[in-house]
Amino acid sequence: MWLELASPNTQVIEVYRAMDVVLKALSSGESTLPKAVAVRLVHWDELLAGELGDADQALVVRLVGDGLLLNAISGTPLAQERVTALVDHLVPRPR
């Protein structure tokens, strides 16, 4: 799940590299991101939609995950308990 991957305790090198590309592109003043980033976002959206069964919910989850990752990269990560609470709120697990 993207929200769990975006938590500060995760060692997902590909995600961090993709985010680095995004941040460098934005800081350089480029008006568009590299095509590879767009391809990755579409891929994440498809994976999440398949897992959750709802494209809108998948988009919300990805966008929240993007924010969690940005917080972690910027040195202001949320505590793991808070990430777990967000995951449970956005994607209730079957009991």
PDB file of N, CA and C in Angstrom:
ATOM      1  N   MET A   1       0.837  -1.177   0.000  1.00  0.00           N
ATOM      2  CA  MET A   1       0.000   0.000   0.000  1.00  0.00           C
ATOM      3  C   MET A   1       0.883   1.241   0.000  1.00  0.00           C
ATOM      4  N   TRP A   2       0.529   2.207  -0.816  1.00  0.00           N
ATOM      5  CA  TRP A   2       1.337   3.420  -0.977  1.00  0.00           C
ATOM      6  C   TRP A   2       1.505   4.190   0.333  1.00  0.00           C
ATOM      7  N   LEU A   3       0.461   4.296   1.136  1.00  0.00           N
ATOM      8  CA  LEU A   3       0.588   5.044   2.387  1.00  0.00           C
ATOM      9  C   LEU A   3       1.610   4.400   3.303  1.00  0.00           C
ATOM     10  N   GLU A   4       1.653   3.091   3.316  1.00  0.00           N
ATOM     11  CA  GLU A   4       2.641   2.399   4.137  1.00  0.00           C
ATOM     12  C   GLU A   4       4.036   2.562   3.546  1.00  0.00           C
ATOM     13  N   LEU A   5       4.148   2.548   2.235  1.00  0.00           N
ATOM     14  CA  LEU A   5       5.448   2.739   1.586  1.00  0.00           C
ATOM     15  C   LEU A   5       5.977   4.150   1.800  1.00  0.00           C
ATOM     16  N   ALA A   6       5.070   5.107   1.930  1.00  0.00           N
ATOM     17  CA  ALA A   6       5.472   6.506   2.052  1.00  0.00           C
ATOM     18  C   ALA A   6       5.859   6.888   3.471  1.00  0.00           C
ATOM     19  N   SER A   7       5.717   5.977   4.404  1.00  0.00           N
ATOM     20  CA  SER A   7       6.055   6.290   5.792  1.00  0.00           C
ATOM     21  C   SER A   7       7.560   6.454   5.942  1.00  0.00           C
ATOM     22  N   PRO A   8       7.993   7.189   6.957  1.00  0.00           N
ATOM     23  CA  PRO A   8       9.406   7.520   7.100  1.00  0.00           C
ATOM     24  C   PRO A   8      10.319   6.329   7.366  1.00  0.00           C
ATOM     25  N   ASN A   9       9.800   5.197   7.761  1.00  0.00           N
ATOM     26  CA  ASN A   9      10.632   4.045   8.068  1.00  0.00           C
ATOM     27  C   ASN A   9      10.882   3.146   6.863  1.00  0.00           C
ATOM     28  N   THR A  10      10.441   3.542   5.725  1.00  0.00           N
ATOM     29  CA  THR A  10      10.518   2.701   4.536  1.00  0.00           C
ATOM     30  C   THR A  10      11.797   2.955   3.744  1.00  0.00           C
ATOM     31  N   GLN A  11      12.356   1.895   3.203  1.00  0.00           N
ATOM     32  CA  GLN A  11      13.552   1.998   2.377  1.00  0.00           C
ATOM     33  C   GLN A  11      13.193   1.662   0.930  1.00  0.00           C
ATOM     34  N   VAL A  12      12.376   2.476   0.314  1.00  0.00           N
ATOM     35  CA  VAL A  12      11.936   2.235  -1.063  1.00  0.00           C
ATOM     36  C   VAL A  12      12.726   3.157  -1.969  1.00  0.00           C
ATOM     37  N   ILE A  13      13.853   2.657  -2.440  1.00  0.00           N
ATOM     38  CA  ILE A  13      14.795   3.472  -3.205  1.00  0.00           C
ATOM     39  C   ILE A  13      14.163   4.052  -4.464  1.00  0.00           C
ATOM     40  N   GLU A  14      13.422   3.271  -5.204  1.00  0.00           N
ATOM     41  CA  GLU A  14      12.832   3.767  -6.457  1.00  0.00           C
ATOM     42  C   GLU A  14      11.904   4.943  -6.204  1.00  0.00           C
ATOM     43  N   VAL A  15      11.139   4.877  -5.148  1.00  0.00           N
ATOM     44  CA  VAL A  15      10.211   5.964  -4.833  1.00  0.00           C
ATOM     45  C   VAL A  15      10.977   7.234  -4.503  1.00  0.00           C
ATOM     46  N   TYR A  16      12.015   7.112  -3.695  1.00  0.00           N
ATOM     47  CA  TYR A  16      12.803   8.286  -3.335  1.00  0.00           C
ATOM     48  C   TYR A  16      13.525   8.869  -4.551  1.00  0.00           C
ATOM     49  N   ARG A  17      13.995   8.018  -5.423  1.00  0.00           N
ATOM     50  CA  ARG A  17      14.642   8.519  -6.648  1.00  0.00           C
ATOM     51  C   ARG A  17      13.640   9.270  -7.521  1.00  0.00           C
ATOM     52  N   ALA A  18      12.441   8.726  -7.642  1.00  0.00           N
ATOM     53  CA  ALA A  18      11.411   9.399  -8.438  1.00  0.00           C
ATOM     54  C   ALA A  18      11.060  10.747  -7.822  1.00  0.00           C
ATOM     55  N   MET A  19      10.950  10.777  -6.499  1.00  0.00           N
ATOM     56  CA  MET A  19      10.640  12.040  -5.830  1.00  0.00           C
ATOM     57  C   MET A  19      11.780  13.032  -6.007  1.00  0.00           C
ATOM     58  N   ASP A  20      13.011  12.558  -5.996  1.00  0.00           N
ATOM     59  CA  ASP A  20      14.162  13.429  -6.220  1.00  0.00           C
ATOM     60  C   ASP A  20      14.087  14.062  -7.604  1.00  0.00           C
ATOM     61  N   VAL A  21      13.715  13.276  -8.601  1.00  0.00           N
ATOM     62  CA  VAL A  21      13.570  13.798  -9.960  1.00  0.00           C
ATOM     63  C   VAL A  21      12.496  14.885  -9.984  1.00  0.00           C
ATOM     64  N   VAL A  22      11.384  14.628  -9.312  1.00  0.00           N
ATOM     65  CA  VAL A  22      10.283  15.591  -9.272  1.00  0.00           C
ATOM     66  C   VAL A  22      10.742  16.888  -8.622  1.00  0.00           C
ATOM     67  N   LEU A  23      11.383  16.788  -7.464  1.00  0.00           N
ATOM     68  CA  LEU A  23      11.807  17.987  -6.747  1.00  0.00           C
ATOM     69  C   LEU A  23      12.854  18.777  -7.526  1.00  0.00           C
ATOM     70  N   LYS A  24      13.787  18.088  -8.172  1.00  0.00           N
ATOM     71  CA  LYS A  24      14.798  18.780  -8.981  1.00  0.00           C
ATOM     72  C   LYS A  24      14.151  19.491 -10.162  1.00  0.00           C
ATOM     73  N   ALA A  25      13.191  18.841 -10.792  1.00  0.00           N
ATOM     74  CA  ALA A  25      12.513  19.464 -11.929  1.00  0.00           C
ATOM     75  C   ALA A  25      11.746  20.704 -11.480  1.00  0.00           C
ATOM     76  N   LEU A  26      11.072  20.596 -10.370  1.00  0.00           N
ATOM     77  CA  LEU A  26      10.307  21.739  -9.872  1.00  0.00           C
ATOM     78  C   LEU A  26      11.222  22.886  -9.444  1.00  0.00           C
ATOM     79  N   SER A  27      12.333  22.562  -8.813  1.00  0.00           N
ATOM     80  CA  SER A  27      13.230  23.617  -8.342  1.00  0.00           C
ATOM     81  C   SER A  27      13.995  24.279  -9.481  1.00  0.00           C
ATOM     82  N   SER A  28      14.090  23.610 -10.621  1.00  0.00           N
ATOM     83  CA  SER A  28      14.806  24.186 -11.754  1.00  0.00           C
ATOM     84  C   SER A  28      13.917  25.129 -12.566  1.00  0.00           C
ATOM     85  N   GLY A  29      12.648  25.190 -12.208  1.00  0.00           N
ATOM     86  CA  GLY A  29      11.735  26.081 -12.921  1.00  0.00           C
ATOM     87  C   GLY A  29      11.088  25.448 -14.143  1.00  0.00           C
ATOM     88  N   GLU A  30      11.306  24.156 -14.346  1.00  0.00           N
ATOM     89  CA  GLU A  30      10.667  23.484 -15.475  1.00  0.00           C
ATOM     90  C   GLU A  30       9.157  23.500 -15.262  1.00  0.00           C
ATOM     91  N   SER A  31       8.436  23.746 -16.323  1.00  0.00           N
ATOM     92  CA  SER A  31       6.981  23.816 -16.189  1.00  0.00           C
ATOM     93  C   SER A  31       6.342  22.434 -16.235  1.00  0.00           C
ATOM     94  N   THR A  32       7.054  21.460 -16.743  1.00  0.00           N
ATOM     95  CA  THR A  32       6.517  20.101 -16.793  1.00  0.00           C
ATOM     96  C   THR A  32       7.541  19.132 -16.226  1.00  0.00           C
ATOM     97  N   LEU A  33       7.052  18.049 -15.716  1.00  0.00           N
ATOM     98  CA  LEU A  33       7.923  17.017 -15.172  1.00  0.00           C
ATOM     99  C   LEU A  33       8.322  16.046 -16.277  1.00  0.00           C
ATOM    100  N   PRO A  34       9.420  15.349 -16.080  1.00  0.00           N
ATOM    101  CA  PRO A  34       9.828  14.362 -17.090  1.00  0.00           C
ATOM    102  C   PRO A  34       8.733  13.321 -17.320  1.00  0.00           C
ATOM    103  N   LYS A  35       8.647  12.845 -18.542  1.00  0.00           N
ATOM    104  CA  LYS A  35       7.627  11.862 -18.910  1.00  0.00           C
ATOM    105  C   LYS A  35       7.706  10.623 -18.029  1.00  0.00           C
ATOM    106  N   ALA A  36       8.897  10.232 -17.619  1.00  0.00           N
ATOM    107  CA  ALA A  36       9.052   9.046 -16.774  1.00  0.00           C
ATOM    108  C   ALA A  36       8.291   9.196 -15.461  1.00  0.00           C
ATOM    109  N   VAL A  37       8.211  10.402 -14.929  1.00  0.00           N
ATOM    110  CA  VAL A  37       7.476  10.637 -13.686  1.00  0.00           C
ATOM    111  C   VAL A  37       5.985  10.429 -13.931  1.00  0.00           C
ATOM    112  N   ALA A  38       5.479  10.968 -15.022  1.00  0.00           N
ATOM    113  CA  ALA A  38       4.064  10.803 -15.351  1.00  0.00           C
ATOM    114  C   ALA A  38       3.716   9.329 -15.539  1.00  0.00           C
ATOM    115  N   VAL A  39       4.604   8.595 -16.185  1.00  0.00           N
ATOM    116  CA  VAL A  39       4.381   7.161 -16.394  1.00  0.00           C
ATOM    117  C   VAL A  39       4.310   6.444 -15.049  1.00  0.00           C
ATOM    118  N   ARG A  40       5.196   6.791 -14.129  1.00  0.00           N
ATOM    119  CA  ARG A  40       5.197   6.173 -12.789  1.00  0.00           C
ATOM    120  C   ARG A  40       3.917   6.498 -12.029  1.00  0.00           C
ATOM    121  N   LEU A  41       3.466   7.740 -12.121  1.00  0.00           N
ATOM    122  CA  LEU A  41       2.236   8.123 -11.415  1.00  0.00           C
ATOM    123  C   LEU A  41       1.033   7.344 -11.934  1.00  0.00           C
ATOM    124  N   VAL A  42       0.955   7.203 -13.249  1.00  0.00           N
ATOM    125  CA  VAL A  42      -0.138   6.428 -13.844  1.00  0.00           C
ATOM    126  C   VAL A  42      -0.058   4.983 -13.361  1.00  0.00           C
ATOM    127  N   HIS A  43       1.158   4.449 -13.315  1.00  0.00           N
ATOM    128  CA  HIS A  43       1.350   3.067 -12.860  1.00  0.00           C
ATOM    129  C   HIS A  43       0.904   2.905 -11.407  1.00  0.00           C
ATOM    130  N   TRP A  44       1.315   3.837 -10.532  1.00  0.00           N
ATOM    131  CA  TRP A  44       0.899   3.787  -9.123  1.00  0.00           C
ATOM    132  C   TRP A  44      -0.624   3.870  -9.021  1.00  0.00           C
ATOM    133  N   ASP A  45      -1.232   4.770  -9.784  1.00  0.00           N
ATOM    134  CA  ASP A  45      -2.686   4.915  -9.746  1.00  0.00           C
ATOM    135  C   ASP A  45      -3.379   3.611 -10.151  1.00  0.00           C
ATOM    136  N   GLU A  46      -2.858   2.968 -11.187  1.00  0.00           N
ATOM    137  CA  GLU A  46      -3.440   1.703 -11.643  1.00  0.00           C
ATOM    138  C   GLU A  46      -3.293   0.611 -10.585  1.00  0.00           C
ATOM    139  N   LEU A  47      -2.118   0.519  -9.982  1.00  0.00           N
ATOM    140  CA  LEU A  47      -1.896  -0.482  -8.932  1.00  0.00           C
ATOM    141  C   LEU A  47      -2.836  -0.257  -7.743  1.00  0.00           C
ATOM    142  N   LEU A  48      -2.924   0.987  -7.316  1.00  0.00           N
ATOM    143  CA  LEU A  48      -3.793   1.295  -6.184  1.00  0.00           C
ATOM    144  C   LEU A  48      -5.265   1.059  -6.505  1.00  0.00           C
ATOM    145  N   ALA A  49      -5.684   1.458  -7.695  1.00  0.00           N
ATOM    146  CA  ALA A  49      -7.081   1.243  -8.091  1.00  0.00           C
ATOM    147  C   ALA A  49      -7.393  -0.246  -8.130  1.00  0.00           C
ATOM    148  N   GLY A  50      -6.453  -1.037  -8.609  1.00  0.00           N
ATOM    149  CA  GLY A  50      -6.654  -2.486  -8.624  1.00  0.00           C
ATOM    150  C   GLY A  50      -6.743  -3.056  -7.214  1.00  0.00           C
ATOM    151  N   GLU A  51      -5.916  -2.559  -6.321  1.00  0.00           N
ATOM    152  CA  GLU A  51      -5.914  -3.046  -4.941  1.00  0.00           C
ATOM    153  C   GLU A  51      -7.172  -2.610  -4.186  1.00  0.00           C
ATOM    154  N   LEU A  52      -7.582  -1.350  -4.401  1.00  0.00           N
ATOM    155  CA  LEU A  52      -8.705  -0.798  -3.647  1.00  0.00           C
ATOM    156  C   LEU A  52     -10.053  -0.998  -4.328  1.00  0.00           C
ATOM    157  N   GLY A  53     -10.038  -1.203  -5.646  1.00  0.00           N
ATOM    158  CA  GLY A  53     -11.291  -1.387  -6.371  1.00  0.00           C
ATOM    159  C   GLY A  53     -12.042  -0.109  -6.642  1.00  0.00           C
ATOM    160  N   ASP A  54     -11.373   1.045  -6.465  1.00  0.00           N
ATOM    161  CA  ASP A  54     -12.038   2.335  -6.662  1.00  0.00           C
ATOM    162  C   ASP A  54     -10.984   3.357  -7.079  1.00  0.00           C
ATOM    163  N   ALA A  55     -11.114   3.888  -8.295  1.00  0.00           N
ATOM    164  CA  ALA A  55     -10.107   4.818  -8.831  1.00  0.00           C
ATOM    165  C   ALA A  55     -10.050   6.124  -8.039  1.00  0.00           C
ATOM    166  N   ASP A  56     -11.193   6.621  -7.566  1.00  0.00           N
ATOM    167  CA  ASP A  56     -11.193   7.865  -6.795  1.00  0.00           C
ATOM    168  C   ASP A  56     -10.507   7.675  -5.442  1.00  0.00           C
ATOM    169  N   GLN A  57     -10.822   6.588  -4.772  1.00  0.00           N
ATOM    170  CA  GLN A  57     -10.172   6.297  -3.494  1.00  0.00           C
ATOM    171  C   GLN A  57      -8.671   6.103  -3.707  1.00  0.00           C
ATOM    172  N   ALA A  58      -8.299   5.463  -4.797  1.00  0.00           N
ATOM    173  CA  ALA A  58      -6.892   5.256  -5.106  1.00  0.00           C
ATOM    174  C   ALA A  58      -6.168   6.586  -5.289  1.00  0.00           C
ATOM    175  N   LEU A  59      -6.802   7.537  -5.944  1.00  0.00           N
ATOM    176  CA  LEU A  59      -6.186   8.843  -6.143  1.00  0.00           C
ATOM    177  C   LEU A  59      -5.993   9.555  -4.809  1.00  0.00           C
ATOM    178  N   VAL A  60      -6.997   9.509  -3.944  1.00  0.00           N
ATOM    179  CA  VAL A  60      -6.874  10.134  -2.621  1.00  0.00           C
ATOM    180  C   VAL A  60      -5.729   9.488  -1.843  1.00  0.00           C
ATOM    181  N   VAL A  61      -5.652   8.183  -1.867  1.00  0.00           N
ATOM    182  CA  VAL A  61      -4.589   7.466  -1.156  1.00  0.00           C
ATOM    183  C   VAL A  61      -3.224   7.864  -1.711  1.00  0.00           C
ATOM    184  N   ARG A  62      -3.093   7.922  -3.038  1.00  0.00           N
ATOM    185  CA  ARG A  62      -1.793   8.298  -3.613  1.00  0.00           C
ATOM    186  C   ARG A  62      -1.411   9.721  -3.234  1.00  0.00           C
ATOM    187  N   LEU A  63      -2.357  10.632  -3.297  1.00  0.00           N
ATOM    188  CA  LEU A  63      -2.050  12.023  -2.974  1.00  0.00           C
ATOM    189  C   LEU A  63      -1.671  12.190  -1.498  1.00  0.00           C
ATOM    190  N   VAL A  64      -2.344  11.481  -0.614  1.00  0.00           N
ATOM    191  CA  VAL A  64      -1.959  11.511   0.803  1.00  0.00           C
ATOM    192  C   VAL A  64      -0.574  10.895   0.969  1.00  0.00           C
ATOM    193  N   GLY A  65      -0.333   9.798   0.285  1.00  0.00           N
ATOM    194  CA  GLY A  65       0.995   9.172   0.335  1.00  0.00           C
ATOM    195  C   GLY A  65       2.088  10.087  -0.187  1.00  0.00           C
ATOM    196  N   ASP A  66       1.786  10.829  -1.247  1.00  0.00           N
ATOM    197  CA  ASP A  66       2.761  11.790  -1.775  1.00  0.00           C
ATOM    198  C   ASP A  66       3.105  12.830  -0.704  1.00  0.00           C
ATOM    199  N   GLY A  67       2.087  13.282   0.017  1.00  0.00           N
ATOM    200  CA  GLY A  67       2.318  14.257   1.085  1.00  0.00           C
ATOM    201  C   GLY A  67       3.134  13.668   2.224  1.00  0.00           C
ATOM    202  N   LEU A  68       2.855  12.425   2.588  1.00  0.00           N
ATOM    203  CA  LEU A  68       3.635  11.761   3.634  1.00  0.00           C
ATOM    204  C   LEU A  68       5.097  11.637   3.223  1.00  0.00           C
ATOM    205  N   LEU A  69       5.306  11.276   1.977  1.00  0.00           N
ATOM    206  CA  LEU A  69       6.676  11.133   1.484  1.00  0.00           C
ATOM    207  C   LEU A  69       7.389  12.474   1.482  1.00  0.00           C
ATOM    208  N   LEU A  70       6.711  13.514   1.050  1.00  0.00           N
ATOM    209  CA  LEU A  70       7.316  14.844   1.048  1.00  0.00           C
ATOM    210  C   LEU A  70       7.667  15.280   2.471  1.00  0.00           C
ATOM    211  N   ASN A  71       6.790  15.003   3.421  1.00  0.00           N
ATOM    212  CA  ASN A  71       7.100  15.309   4.814  1.00  0.00           C
ATOM    213  C   ASN A  71       8.345  14.560   5.271  1.00  0.00           C
ATOM    214  N   ALA A  72       8.438  13.289   4.944  1.00  0.00           N
ATOM    215  CA  ALA A  72       9.592  12.488   5.355  1.00  0.00           C
ATOM    216  C   ALA A  72      10.878  13.021   4.736  1.00  0.00           C
ATOM    217  N   ILE A  73      10.831  13.352   3.451  1.00  0.00           N
ATOM    218  CA  ILE A  73      12.013  13.867   2.759  1.00  0.00           C
ATOM    219  C   ILE A  73      12.421  15.219   3.323  1.00  0.00           C
ATOM    220  N   SER A  74      11.447  16.036   3.710  1.00  0.00           N
ATOM    221  CA  SER A  74      11.754  17.382   4.194  1.00  0.00           C
ATOM    222  C   SER A  74      12.173  17.401   5.666  1.00  0.00           C
ATOM    223  N   GLY A  75      12.196  16.223   6.288  1.00  0.00           N
ATOM    224  CA  GLY A  75      12.641  16.152   7.670  1.00  0.00           C
ATOM    225  C   GLY A  75      11.547  16.332   8.704  1.00  0.00           C
ATOM    226  N   THR A  76      10.287  16.299   8.270  1.00  0.00           N
ATOM    227  CA  THR A  76       9.174  16.434   9.207  1.00  0.00           C
ATOM    228  C   THR A  76       8.222  15.241   9.076  1.00  0.00           C
ATOM    229  N   PRO A  77       8.743  14.038   9.234  1.00  0.00           N
ATOM    230  CA  PRO A  77       7.893  12.859   9.054  1.00  0.00           C
ATOM    231  C   PRO A  77       6.855  12.724  10.156  1.00  0.00           C
ATOM    232  N   LEU A  78       5.739  12.104   9.806  1.00  0.00           N
ATOM    233  CA  LEU A  78       4.734  11.780  10.810  1.00  0.00           C
ATOM    234  C   LEU A  78       5.184  10.537  11.572  1.00  0.00           C
ATOM    235  N   ALA A  79       4.794  10.458  12.815  1.00  0.00           N
ATOM    236  CA  ALA A  79       5.084   9.273  13.611  1.00  0.00           C
ATOM    237  C   ALA A  79       4.376   8.068  12.990  1.00  0.00           C
ATOM    238  N   GLN A  80       4.971   6.894  13.145  1.00  0.00           N
ATOM    239  CA  GLN A  80       4.411   5.686  12.546  1.00  0.00           C
ATOM    240  C   GLN A  80       2.977   5.433  13.020  1.00  0.00           C
ATOM    241  N   GLU A  81       2.677   5.750  14.284  1.00  0.00           N
ATOM    242  CA  GLU A  81       1.317   5.550  14.786  1.00  0.00           C
ATOM    243  C   GLU A  81       0.321   6.406  14.004  1.00  0.00           C
ATOM    244  N   ARG A  82       0.740   7.614  13.650  1.00  0.00           N
ATOM    245  CA  ARG A  82      -0.123   8.538  12.894  1.00  0.00           C
ATOM    246  C   ARG A  82      -0.342   8.017  11.479  1.00  0.00           C
ATOM    247  N   VAL A  83       0.723   7.482  10.864  1.00  0.00           N
ATOM    248  CA  VAL A  83       0.597   6.904   9.522  1.00  0.00           C
ATOM    249  C   VAL A  83      -0.359   5.716   9.564  1.00  0.00           C
ATOM    250  N   THR A  84      -0.208   4.864  10.561  1.00  0.00           N
ATOM    251  CA  THR A  84      -1.099   3.712  10.709  1.00  0.00           C
ATOM    252  C   THR A  84      -2.547   4.159  10.869  1.00  0.00           C
ATOM    253  N   ALA A  85      -2.771   5.199  11.660  1.00  0.00           N
ATOM    254  CA  ALA A  85      -4.127   5.721  11.846  1.00  0.00           C
ATOM    255  C   ALA A  85      -4.695   6.243  10.525  1.00  0.00           C
ATOM    256  N   LEU A  86      -3.869   6.925   9.730  1.00  0.00           N
ATOM    257  CA  LEU A  86      -4.325   7.420   8.424  1.00  0.00           C
ATOM    258  C   LEU A  86      -4.683   6.268   7.498  1.00  0.00           C
ATOM    259  N   VAL A  87      -3.840   5.255   7.472  1.00  0.00           N
ATOM    260  CA  VAL A  87      -4.116   4.086   6.629  1.00  0.00           C
ATOM    261  C   VAL A  87      -5.445   3.460   7.042  1.00  0.00           C
ATOM    262  N   ASP A  88      -5.623   3.276   8.339  1.00  0.00           N
ATOM    263  CA  ASP A  88      -6.870   2.674   8.826  1.00  0.00           C
ATOM    264  C   ASP A  88      -8.085   3.534   8.495  1.00  0.00           C
ATOM    265  N   HIS A  89      -7.918   4.844   8.527  1.00  0.00           N
ATOM    266  CA  HIS A  89      -9.024   5.755   8.219  1.00  0.00           C
ATOM    267  C   HIS A  89      -9.378   5.737   6.732  1.00  0.00           C
ATOM    268  N   LEU A  90      -8.357   5.778   5.894  1.00  0.00           N
ATOM    269  CA  LEU A  90      -8.601   5.863   4.448  1.00  0.00           C
ATOM    270  C   LEU A  90      -8.913   4.514   3.815  1.00  0.00           C
ATOM    271  N   VAL A  91      -8.335   3.461   4.371  1.00  0.00           N
ATOM    272  CA  VAL A  91      -8.501   2.121   3.785  1.00  0.00           C
ATOM    273  C   VAL A  91      -8.811   1.139   4.915  1.00  0.00           C
ATOM    274  N   PRO A  92     -10.051   1.111   5.362  1.00  0.00           N
ATOM    275  CA  PRO A  92     -10.389   0.189   6.452  1.00  0.00           C
ATOM    276  C   PRO A  92     -10.104  -1.255   6.042  1.00  0.00           C
ATOM    277  N   ARG A  93      -9.514  -1.961   6.943  1.00  0.00           N
ATOM    278  CA  ARG A  93      -9.186  -3.368   6.690  1.00  0.00           C
ATOM    279  C   ARG A  93     -10.381  -4.233   7.104  1.00  0.00           C
ATOM    280  N   PRO A  94     -10.605  -5.315   6.345  1.00  0.00           N
ATOM    281  CA  PRO A  94     -11.683  -6.222   6.740  1.00  0.00           C
ATOM    282  C   PRO A  94     -11.387  -6.836   8.110  1.00  0.00           C
ATOM    283  N   ARG A  95     -12.410  -6.986   8.896  1.00  0.00           N
ATOM    284  CA  ARG A  95     -12.228  -7.564  10.242  1.00  0.00           C
ATOM    285  C   ARG A  95     -12.647  -8.995  10.261  1.00  0.00           C
TER     286      ARG A  95
END
